[in-house]
C-alpha cells in the first residue's frame, strides 16, 4: 500500500508513477476523493461522539424533572453516533479498496514503459562460442541422465520434471553454494512454509492482476507460494522490529509453484519455465533510508554467484510497466543461453520500499523512538533455472559438461558431468 500522506500531499507524484507504469492515472483521483470522504466521515463521527459525551454529563447533572427530555435527546444522539460510525467504517473500507488499486510508487530514474523498455546497466563475461554444434540444456540433461521430462509429465502433467542423478546433485550443490554465500553475508537461513493465508499473499501484492498465476486451495483457503518472499514478508507481520544493528537479512529455501497461466506455448521445452522449482531467496527488512544501498548490495552478491559459476550475463534496470505491483525498482540479471542466442532472466531483485510493510503492519523504531513502516527487499540467490545456463555454457563436444570450480566441493570433487554410459 502506498503512503496515504504522499497521496494527500503530492498526488501528482503518484500520477507520474502510474503513467510510467502504463496505468490509469484517474485511479489516483479516485483514491484522493475516497481519502477526503473517509476523513470527513471520521470527523463527523468524532464530532457527534464528543457532543454525545458532553451531553451525557448534562444528563447526569440534570434535575429529576429535566432528565426525561434530556434522555430522549441522548437516545437521538446515540442513534446519530451509531449511524455516523457506520458511515465512517464504510468510507474507510472504500478508501482501503481504492488505495489497494494503486501500485507502488516507482523510484526516480526507473525507465518508463513495458517489458521491452528496460535499460542495460552493465554486462559481464564473453559470450560463449563453440567449435561444435551446441546442444540445448534438455538434450544435455537427457545425455547426462540428469533431467527426465517425460516421466515428469506422466506423473504430474506438462511442465513438470524429475531431476535425477547428477541433475539432482547439481541443484543441491547450487543451493548449498548459495546458502554458504548467504551465511557469509549475515543472512539467517529459513526453510519456509509454501502454503500461506490470503492476507499474507495479498499483503505482498501477489493477488493483483497476476492472481491467475497463483495456485489456490479453496477448501483450506490457502495459497501455494511462487517464491519464499511471500512467507518471509509475512514472518514479521504485525511486529515492530529492532534495526539498531542494521538490516534483518533472511535466506529462505523453499519449493515454489507457479501456474504460468499466461505463457502458453512459450519456453515449454525443458526446465526454463515450469510449474515447480526450488529457490534460495534473499529477503531483507531495512530502514527505508538504507533501502537503495541495500538493493545494490543484493545485486552485488548475485553477481558474485554468477561469476563464480562462470556465466556471462547482463544487469538490467526493469521498466516501470514490468515491475509488478510491489516493486519500486527491480534489477534483473540475465545469463546468456547459447542455444537460444539471447539473455534469459536468472535473478530478479526488488526494492519494495514500504509498500508491503504497510499492508502487513511491519514497522521499526527510528532514532527518535517513533515506529515507522520498514522497507522490504528481495532477490534470488539460486534457483533451478540456473541449471539451464550452467549446462549450456560449460558443455563440451562429447556431451559432457565441465563443473564450475566453485561447485566442485559440493559435488564431492567432481569436475566433469559425463554422459550416462560414456
Protein backbone atom coordinates (compact mmCIF):
# COMPACT_ATOMS: atom_id res chain seq x y z
CA UNK A 1 0.00 0.00 0.00
CA UNK A 2 1.29 3.47 -0.83
CA UNK A 3 1.86 6.15 1.80
CA UNK A 4 -1.51 7.88 2.50
CA UNK A 5 0.35 11.07 3.41
CA UNK A 6 2.03 11.14 -0.01
CA UNK A 7 -1.36 10.58 -1.63
CA UNK A 8 -2.73 13.56 0.25
CA UNK A 9 0.23 15.93 -0.16
CA UNK A 10 1.64 15.04 -3.58
CA UNK A 11 -0.86 13.07 -5.68
CA UNK A 12 0.94 14.23 -8.84
CA UNK A 13 3.97 12.14 -7.87
CA UNK A 14 1.75 9.08 -7.74
CA UNK A 15 0.18 10.02 -11.07
CA UNK A 16 3.64 10.22 -12.66
CA UNK A 17 4.37 6.75 -11.34
CA UNK A 18 1.09 5.41 -12.66
CA UNK A 19 1.81 6.94 -16.06
CA UNK A 20 5.30 5.41 -16.16
CA UNK A 21 3.76 2.01 -15.41
CA UNK A 22 1.15 2.47 -18.11
CA UNK A 23 -1.67 2.53 -15.56
CA UNK A 24 -4.78 4.70 -15.37
CA UNK A 25 -3.99 7.99 -13.62
CA UNK A 26 -7.66 8.52 -12.74
CA UNK A 27 -7.33 5.84 -10.06
CA UNK A 28 -5.24 8.37 -8.11
CA UNK A 29 -8.05 10.92 -8.22
CA UNK A 30 -10.48 8.23 -7.04
CA UNK A 31 -8.20 7.39 -4.10
CA UNK A 32 -7.81 11.09 -3.19
CA UNK A 33 -11.60 11.52 -3.23
CA UNK A 34 -12.04 8.39 -1.13
CA UNK A 35 -9.49 9.71 1.38
CA UNK A 36 -11.33 13.03 1.64
CA UNK A 37 -14.65 11.24 2.14
CA UNK A 38 -13.08 8.98 4.77
CA UNK A 39 -11.64 11.89 6.74
CA UNK A 40 -14.91 13.83 6.51
CA UNK A 41 -16.92 10.85 7.74
CA UNK A 42 -14.47 10.22 10.57
CA UNK A 43 -14.56 13.90 11.54
CA UNK A 44 -18.37 13.87 11.67
CA UNK A 45 -18.34 10.72 13.80
CA UNK A 46 -15.83 12.22 16.24
CA UNK A 47 -17.82 15.49 16.44
CA UNK A 48 -21.05 13.64 17.25
CA UNK A 49 -19.33 11.37 19.76
CA UNK A 50 -17.84 14.40 21.53
CA UNK A 51 -21.29 16.00 21.61
CA UNK A 52 -22.73 12.76 23.00
CA UNK A 53 -20.13 12.63 25.75
CA UNK A 54 -20.71 16.25 26.70
CA UNK A 55 -24.46 15.76 26.66
CA UNK A 56 -24.08 12.74 28.91
CA UNK A 57 -22.53 14.99 31.55
CA UNK A 58 -25.54 17.29 31.34
CA UNK A 59 -27.91 14.37 31.84
CA UNK A 60 -26.05 13.28 34.95
CA UNK A 61 -26.15 16.80 36.38
CA UNK A 62 -29.82 17.46 35.49
CA UNK A 63 -32.67 17.52 37.99
CA UNK A 64 -35.23 14.75 38.13
CA UNK A 65 -37.75 16.88 36.22
CA UNK A 66 -35.29 17.77 33.47
CA UNK A 67 -33.98 14.28 32.82
CA UNK A 68 -36.83 12.76 30.74
CA UNK A 69 -36.45 15.33 27.97
CA UNK A 70 -32.67 15.11 28.10
CA UNK A 71 -32.72 11.32 27.97
CA UNK A 72 -34.83 11.46 24.82
CA UNK A 73 -32.22 13.70 23.20
CA UNK A 74 -29.45 11.42 24.44
CA UNK A 75 -31.13 8.50 22.69
CA UNK A 76 -31.36 10.51 19.47
CA UNK A 77 -27.65 11.35 19.76
CA UNK A 78 -26.80 7.70 20.35
CA UNK A 79 -28.58 6.75 17.12
CA UNK A 80 -26.80 9.55 15.24
CA UNK A 81 -23.40 8.42 16.58
CA UNK A 82 -24.11 4.82 15.60
CA UNK A 83 -25.07 5.87 12.07
CA UNK A 84 -22.01 8.12 11.79
CA UNK A 85 -19.78 5.28 12.97
CA UNK A 86 -21.22 3.02 10.27
CA UNK A 87 -20.62 5.70 7.63
CA UNK A 88 -17.05 6.20 8.82
CA UNK A 89 -16.33 2.47 8.64
CA UNK A 90 -17.89 2.26 5.20
CA UNK A 91 -15.83 5.22 4.00
CA UNK A 92 -12.67 3.70 5.47
CA UNK A 93 -13.34 0.43 3.65
CA UNK A 94 -13.95 2.32 0.40
CA UNK A 95 -10.66 4.17 0.84
CA UNK A 96 -8.85 0.91 1.55
CA UNK A 97 -10.26 -0.61 -1.64
CA UNK A 98 -9.32 2.47 -3.69
CA UNK A 99 -5.76 2.74 -2.40
CA UNK A 100 -5.14 -1.00 -2.83
CA UNK A 101 -5.59 -0.47 -6.57
CA UNK A 102 -2.54 1.79 -6.66
CA UNK A 103 0.78 0.10 -7.32
CA UNK A 104 3.98 1.11 -5.56
CA UNK A 105 5.44 4.48 -6.49
CA UNK A 106 8.45 3.90 -8.72
CA UNK A 107 11.81 5.32 -7.72
CA UNK A 108 13.10 8.27 -9.73
CA UNK A 109 15.20 7.09 -12.65
CA UNK A 110 13.30 3.87 -13.34
CA UNK A 111 12.73 3.67 -17.11
CA UNK A 112 9.13 4.16 -18.24
CA UNK A 113 7.36 1.68 -20.48
CA UNK A 114 6.84 -2.06 -20.71
CA UNK A 115 8.88 -5.25 -20.82
CA UNK A 116 10.95 -4.21 -23.84
CA UNK A 117 11.91 -0.79 -22.39
CA UNK A 118 14.49 -1.98 -19.86
CA UNK A 119 17.91 -0.31 -19.67
CA UNK A 120 21.10 -2.41 -19.67
CA UNK A 121 23.31 -1.22 -16.82
CA UNK A 122 26.33 -3.48 -17.44
CA UNK A 123 27.43 -6.79 -18.92
CA UNK A 124 29.99 -9.33 -17.70
CA UNK A 125 31.92 -12.08 -19.45
CA UNK A 126 32.36 -13.10 -23.04
CA UNK A 127 29.53 -14.71 -24.96
CA UNK A 128 30.30 -18.47 -25.11
CA UNK A 129 31.26 -19.86 -28.52
CA UNK A 130 31.82 -23.46 -29.60
CA UNK A 131 33.62 -25.22 -32.43
CA UNK A 132 30.83 -27.80 -32.49
CA UNK A 133 27.06 -27.70 -32.71
CA UNK A 134 25.87 -26.75 -29.22
CA UNK A 135 23.22 -28.89 -27.53
CA UNK A 136 20.42 -27.28 -25.53
CA UNK A 137 20.05 -27.93 -21.81
CA UNK A 138 17.38 -30.60 -22.22
CA UNK A 139 19.40 -32.65 -24.69
CA UNK A 140 22.42 -32.36 -22.40
CA UNK A 141 20.30 -33.21 -19.37
CA UNK A 142 19.00 -36.35 -21.05
CA UNK A 143 22.51 -37.41 -22.13
CA UNK A 144 23.71 -36.96 -18.55
CA UNK A 145 20.70 -38.77 -17.09
CA UNK A 146 20.02 -35.53 -15.20
CA UNK A 147 16.59 -34.38 -16.46
CA UNK A 148 13.53 -36.53 -17.16
CA UNK A 149 10.68 -34.51 -18.62
CA UNK A 150 8.76 -37.50 -19.98
CA UNK A 151 8.21 -39.11 -16.60
CA UNK A 152 7.54 -35.73 -15.03
CA UNK A 153 4.67 -35.25 -17.48
CA UNK A 154 3.46 -38.81 -16.87
CA UNK A 155 3.29 -38.23 -13.11
CA UNK A 156 2.12 -34.60 -12.93
CA UNK A 157 1.41 -33.23 -16.41
CA UNK A 158 3.05 -30.69 -18.69
CA UNK A 159 5.89 -28.55 -17.32
CA UNK A 160 6.78 -30.95 -14.54
CA UNK A 161 10.02 -32.91 -14.49
CA UNK A 162 12.35 -35.10 -12.49
CA UNK A 163 15.90 -34.07 -11.70
CA UNK A 164 17.78 -37.32 -11.22
CA UNK A 165 21.34 -38.47 -10.69
CA UNK A 166 23.82 -35.66 -11.32
CA UNK A 167 20.89 -33.34 -12.04
CA UNK A 168 19.59 -33.69 -8.50
CA UNK A 169 23.11 -33.42 -7.12
CA UNK A 170 23.78 -30.32 -9.22
CA UNK A 171 20.74 -28.49 -7.87
CA UNK A 172 21.55 -29.38 -4.26
CA UNK A 173 25.17 -28.29 -4.82
CA UNK A 174 23.98 -24.98 -6.29
CA UNK A 175 21.65 -24.33 -3.36
CA UNK A 176 24.34 -25.16 -0.81
CA UNK A 177 26.86 -22.88 -2.50
CA UNK A 178 24.29 -20.08 -2.38
CA UNK A 179 23.47 -20.83 1.24
CA UNK A 180 27.14 -20.64 2.24
CA UNK A 181 27.44 -17.30 0.42
CA UNK A 182 24.34 -16.03 2.21
CA UNK A 183 25.64 -17.11 5.61
CA UNK A 184 28.93 -15.35 4.94
CA UNK A 185 26.98 -12.14 4.31
CA UNK A 186 24.96 -12.25 7.52
CA UNK A 187 21.75 -13.93 6.36
CA UNK A 188 19.73 -16.14 8.70
CA UNK A 189 18.58 -19.28 6.85
CA UNK A 190 14.92 -20.27 6.96
CA UNK A 191 13.04 -23.15 5.40
CA UNK A 192 9.68 -21.53 4.85
CA UNK A 193 6.06 -22.72 4.57
CA UNK A 194 4.89 -22.95 0.98
CA UNK A 195 1.20 -22.56 1.89
CA UNK A 196 0.14 -19.15 3.19
CA UNK A 197 -3.05 -17.37 4.18
CA UNK A 198 -4.82 -14.94 1.83
CA UNK A 199 -3.89 -11.89 3.91
CA UNK A 200 -0.18 -12.71 3.57
CA UNK A 201 -0.42 -13.35 -0.17
CA UNK A 202 -2.43 -10.15 -0.58
CA UNK A 203 -0.05 -8.21 1.64
CA UNK A 204 2.89 -8.95 -0.62
CA UNK A 205 0.97 -7.85 -3.71
CA UNK A 206 0.60 -11.23 -5.40
CA UNK A 207 -3.20 -11.22 -5.58
CA UNK A 208 -3.48 -8.35 -8.03
CA UNK A 209 -3.60 -8.58 -11.80
CA UNK A 210 -1.40 -11.72 -11.78
CA UNK A 211 -3.52 -13.67 -9.31
CA UNK A 212 -4.19 -16.24 -12.03
CA UNK A 213 -0.52 -17.28 -11.75
CA UNK A 214 -1.06 -18.46 -8.17
CA UNK A 215 -2.29 -21.89 -7.11
CA UNK A 216 -5.20 -21.69 -4.65
CA UNK A 217 -6.58 -24.43 -2.40
CA UNK A 218 -10.23 -23.33 -1.92
CA UNK A 219 -11.11 -25.98 0.68
CA UNK A 220 -8.44 -24.59 3.02
CA UNK A 221 -8.32 -21.03 1.64
CA UNK A 222 -4.53 -21.26 1.38
CA UNK A 223 -2.21 -20.27 -1.46
CA UNK A 224 0.88 -22.06 -2.75
CA UNK A 225 3.73 -19.57 -2.90
CA UNK A 226 5.66 -18.83 -6.08
CA UNK A 227 8.59 -17.58 -4.01
CA UNK A 228 9.58 -17.71 -0.35
CA UNK A 229 9.41 -13.90 -0.46
CA UNK A 230 5.73 -14.26 0.46
CA UNK A 231 6.30 -16.26 3.64
CA UNK A 232 9.33 -14.15 4.57
CA UNK A 233 7.32 -10.93 4.18
CA UNK A 234 4.67 -12.37 6.49
CA UNK A 235 7.24 -13.61 9.01
CA UNK A 236 7.29 -10.28 10.89
CA UNK A 237 3.73 -9.12 10.13
CA UNK A 238 2.19 -7.05 12.96
CA UNK A 239 5.58 -6.61 14.63
CA UNK A 240 7.91 -3.73 15.47
CA UNK A 241 11.48 -4.65 14.54
CA UNK A 242 14.79 -3.67 16.06
CA UNK A 243 17.11 -2.50 13.28
CA UNK A 244 19.64 -0.99 15.67
CA UNK A 245 22.38 -3.28 14.38
CA UNK A 246 21.42 -2.92 10.73
CA UNK A 247 19.06 -4.68 8.32
CA UNK A 248 17.50 -8.05 9.14
CA UNK A 249 18.54 -10.46 6.38
CA UNK A 250 16.92 -13.84 5.77
CA UNK A 251 17.66 -16.55 3.21
CA UNK A 252 14.53 -18.58 2.51
CA UNK A 253 14.91 -22.03 0.95
CA UNK A 254 11.67 -23.40 -0.47
CA UNK A 255 9.92 -25.18 -3.28
CA UNK A 256 7.97 -22.70 -5.42
CA UNK A 257 4.82 -23.14 -7.51
CA UNK A 258 3.60 -21.06 -10.45
CA UNK A 259 0.69 -21.75 -12.77
CA UNK A 260 2.36 -19.90 -15.67
CA UNK A 261 -1.15 -19.18 -16.89
CA UNK A 262 -0.10 -16.53 -19.37
CA UNK A 263 2.74 -18.38 -21.07
CA UNK A 264 1.03 -20.92 -23.31
CA UNK A 265 3.45 -22.13 -25.97
CA UNK A 266 6.32 -20.04 -24.55
CA UNK A 267 9.54 -21.64 -23.28
CA UNK A 268 7.85 -25.01 -22.94
CA UNK A 269 10.96 -27.05 -23.72
CA UNK A 270 12.97 -28.21 -20.75
CA UNK A 271 13.09 -26.61 -17.32
CA UNK A 272 13.24 -22.92 -18.18
CA UNK A 273 9.59 -22.18 -17.38
CA UNK A 274 7.97 -24.81 -15.17
CA UNK A 275 5.26 -25.14 -12.55
CA UNK A 276 7.51 -26.26 -9.68
CA UNK A 277 11.11 -25.42 -8.80
CA UNK A 278 13.39 -24.76 -5.85
CA UNK A 279 14.86 -21.42 -4.89
CA UNK A 280 17.01 -19.71 -2.29
CA UNK A 281 15.60 -16.22 -1.84
CA UNK A 282 17.23 -13.32 -0.04
CA UNK A 283 14.79 -11.16 1.91
CA UNK A 284 15.69 -8.01 3.84
CA UNK A 285 13.96 -5.70 6.31
CA UNK A 286 15.75 -2.33 6.27
CA UNK A 287 15.45 1.30 7.26
CA UNK A 288 13.84 2.97 4.20
CA UNK A 289 16.74 5.42 4.11
CA UNK A 290 19.11 2.48 3.53
CA UNK A 291 16.94 0.54 1.08
CA UNK A 292 18.56 1.68 -2.18
CA UNK A 293 22.06 0.92 -0.88
CA UNK A 294 20.86 -2.50 0.30
CA UNK A 295 19.34 -3.11 -3.13
CA UNK A 296 22.77 -2.60 -4.70
CA UNK A 297 24.33 -4.98 -2.17
CA UNK A 298 21.86 -7.73 -3.06
CA UNK A 299 22.69 -7.37 -6.75
CA UNK A 300 26.43 -7.46 -5.98
CA UNK A 301 26.02 -10.75 -4.09
CA UNK A 302 24.09 -12.19 -7.01
CA UNK A 303 26.80 -11.13 -9.44
CA UNK A 304 29.43 -12.81 -7.28
CA UNK A 305 27.46 -16.05 -7.53
CA UNK A 306 27.09 -15.87 -11.32
CA UNK A 307 30.77 -15.00 -11.78
CA UNK A 308 31.77 -17.95 -9.58
CA UNK A 309 29.72 -20.17 -11.89
CA UNK A 310 31.45 -18.80 -14.99
CA UNK A 311 28.29 -17.39 -16.58
CA UNK A 312 28.07 -14.45 -18.97
CA UNK A 313 25.31 -12.03 -18.02
CA UNK A 314 23.85 -8.56 -18.14
CA UNK A 315 22.23 -6.48 -15.38
CA UNK A 316 19.11 -4.58 -16.44
CA UNK A 317 17.02 -1.85 -14.86
CA UNK A 318 13.48 -3.15 -15.39
CA UNK A 319 10.97 -0.72 -16.88
CA UNK A 320 8.13 0.56 -14.72
CA UNK A 321 5.41 -1.34 -16.55
CA UNK A 322 7.18 -4.66 -15.90
CA UNK A 323 7.87 -4.20 -12.19
CA UNK A 324 4.81 -5.87 -10.70
CA UNK A 325 2.67 -4.06 -8.17
CA UNK A 326 5.02 -4.18 -5.16
CA UNK A 327 8.40 -3.19 -6.56
CA UNK A 328 9.51 0.43 -6.74
CA UNK A 329 12.62 -0.66 -8.64
CA UNK A 330 13.80 -4.01 -9.92
CA UNK A 331 17.16 -5.15 -11.24
CA UNK A 332 17.21 -8.40 -13.21
CA UNK A 333 20.33 -10.37 -14.06
CA UNK A 334 20.04 -12.31 -17.28
CA UNK A 335 22.53 -15.01 -18.29
CA UNK A 336 23.42 -15.88 -21.86
CA UNK A 337 21.80 -19.11 -23.05
CA UNK A 338 23.86 -20.25 -26.08
CA UNK A 339 21.27 -22.30 -27.97
CA UNK A 340 18.71 -19.51 -27.67
CA UNK A 341 21.18 -16.82 -28.67
CA UNK A 342 19.89 -14.43 -26.04
CA UNK A 343 19.99 -13.48 -22.38
CA UNK A 344 17.44 -15.10 -20.07
CA UNK A 345 16.49 -13.98 -16.56
CA UNK A 346 18.19 -15.87 -13.72
CA UNK A 347 17.68 -13.41 -10.87
CA UNK A 348 15.22 -10.69 -10.03
CA UNK A 349 15.92 -8.25 -7.20
CA UNK A 350 13.30 -5.78 -5.98
CA UNK A 351 13.18 -2.81 -3.66
CA UNK A 352 9.58 -2.75 -2.43
CA UNK A 353 10.15 0.30 -0.20
CA UNK A 354 7.33 0.37 2.40
CA UNK A 355 4.60 -0.98 0.11
CA UNK A 356 4.45 -4.49 1.61
CA UNK A 357 5.14 -3.47 5.20
CA UNK A 358 2.19 -1.03 5.23
CA UNK A 359 -0.12 -3.86 4.18
CA UNK A 360 1.38 -6.29 6.69
CA UNK A 361 1.82 -3.78 9.55
CA UNK A 362 5.57 -4.36 9.91
CA UNK A 363 7.36 -1.43 11.48
CA UNK A 364 10.66 -0.41 13.10
CA UNK A 365 11.65 2.27 15.58
CA UNK A 366 13.69 5.14 14.19
CA UNK A 367 16.31 7.08 16.14
CA UNK A 368 13.63 9.20 17.79
CA UNK A 369 11.83 6.08 19.01
CA UNK A 370 8.89 6.57 16.66
CA UNK A 371 7.60 3.48 14.87
CA UNK A 372 7.52 3.69 11.07
CA UNK A 373 6.92 1.24 8.21
CA UNK A 374 10.04 -0.74 7.33
CA UNK A 375 11.39 -1.23 3.80
CA UNK A 376 11.42 -4.75 2.34
CA UNK A 377 13.69 -6.08 -0.40
CA UNK A 378 14.03 -9.46 -2.07
CA UNK A 379 16.28 -11.20 -4.55
CA UNK A 380 17.11 -14.65 -5.93
CA UNK A 381 20.45 -16.19 -4.94
CA UNK A 382 19.96 -19.57 -6.66
CA UNK A 383 17.16 -21.42 -8.39
CA UNK A 384 16.54 -24.48 -10.58
CA UNK A 385 16.55 -22.38 -13.76
CA UNK A 386 20.27 -21.68 -13.32
CA UNK A 387 20.96 -25.28 -14.39
CA UNK A 388 19.90 -24.26 -17.92
CA UNK A 389 22.73 -21.73 -18.24
CA UNK A 390 25.28 -23.88 -16.40
CA UNK A 391 24.79 -26.91 -18.67
CA UNK A 392 24.74 -24.95 -21.92
CA UNK A 393 27.65 -22.64 -21.07
CA UNK A 394 30.03 -25.36 -19.89
CA UNK A 395 29.19 -28.12 -22.38
CA UNK A 396 31.80 -29.97 -24.41
CA UNK A 397 31.69 -31.65 -27.79
CA UNK A 398 31.16 -35.16 -26.41
CA UNK A 399 28.07 -34.11 -24.46
CA UNK A 400 29.89 -33.85 -21.14
CA UNK A 401 29.74 -30.69 -19.02
CA UNK A 402 32.58 -29.08 -17.11
CA UNK A 403 31.64 -28.39 -13.49
CA UNK A 404 32.39 -24.80 -12.40
CA UNK A 405 35.16 -24.85 -9.84
CA UNK A 406 33.01 -23.21 -7.17
CA UNK A 407 30.55 -26.13 -7.30
CA UNK A 408 33.09 -28.95 -7.16
CA UNK A 409 33.43 -29.12 -3.36
CA UNK A 410 29.64 -29.58 -3.17
CA UNK A 411 29.80 -32.47 -5.67
CA UNK A 412 32.49 -34.47 -3.91
CA UNK A 413 35.22 -33.00 -6.12
CA UNK A 414 33.50 -33.99 -9.36
CA UNK A 415 34.89 -31.84 -12.17
CA UNK A 416 33.05 -33.23 -15.20
CA UNK A 417 29.47 -34.44 -15.67
CA UNK A 418 29.75 -37.33 -18.15
CA UNK A 419 27.02 -38.76 -20.39
CA UNK A 420 25.38 -41.87 -18.97
CA UNK A 421 27.19 -44.95 -20.26
CA UNK A 422 30.17 -42.97 -21.51
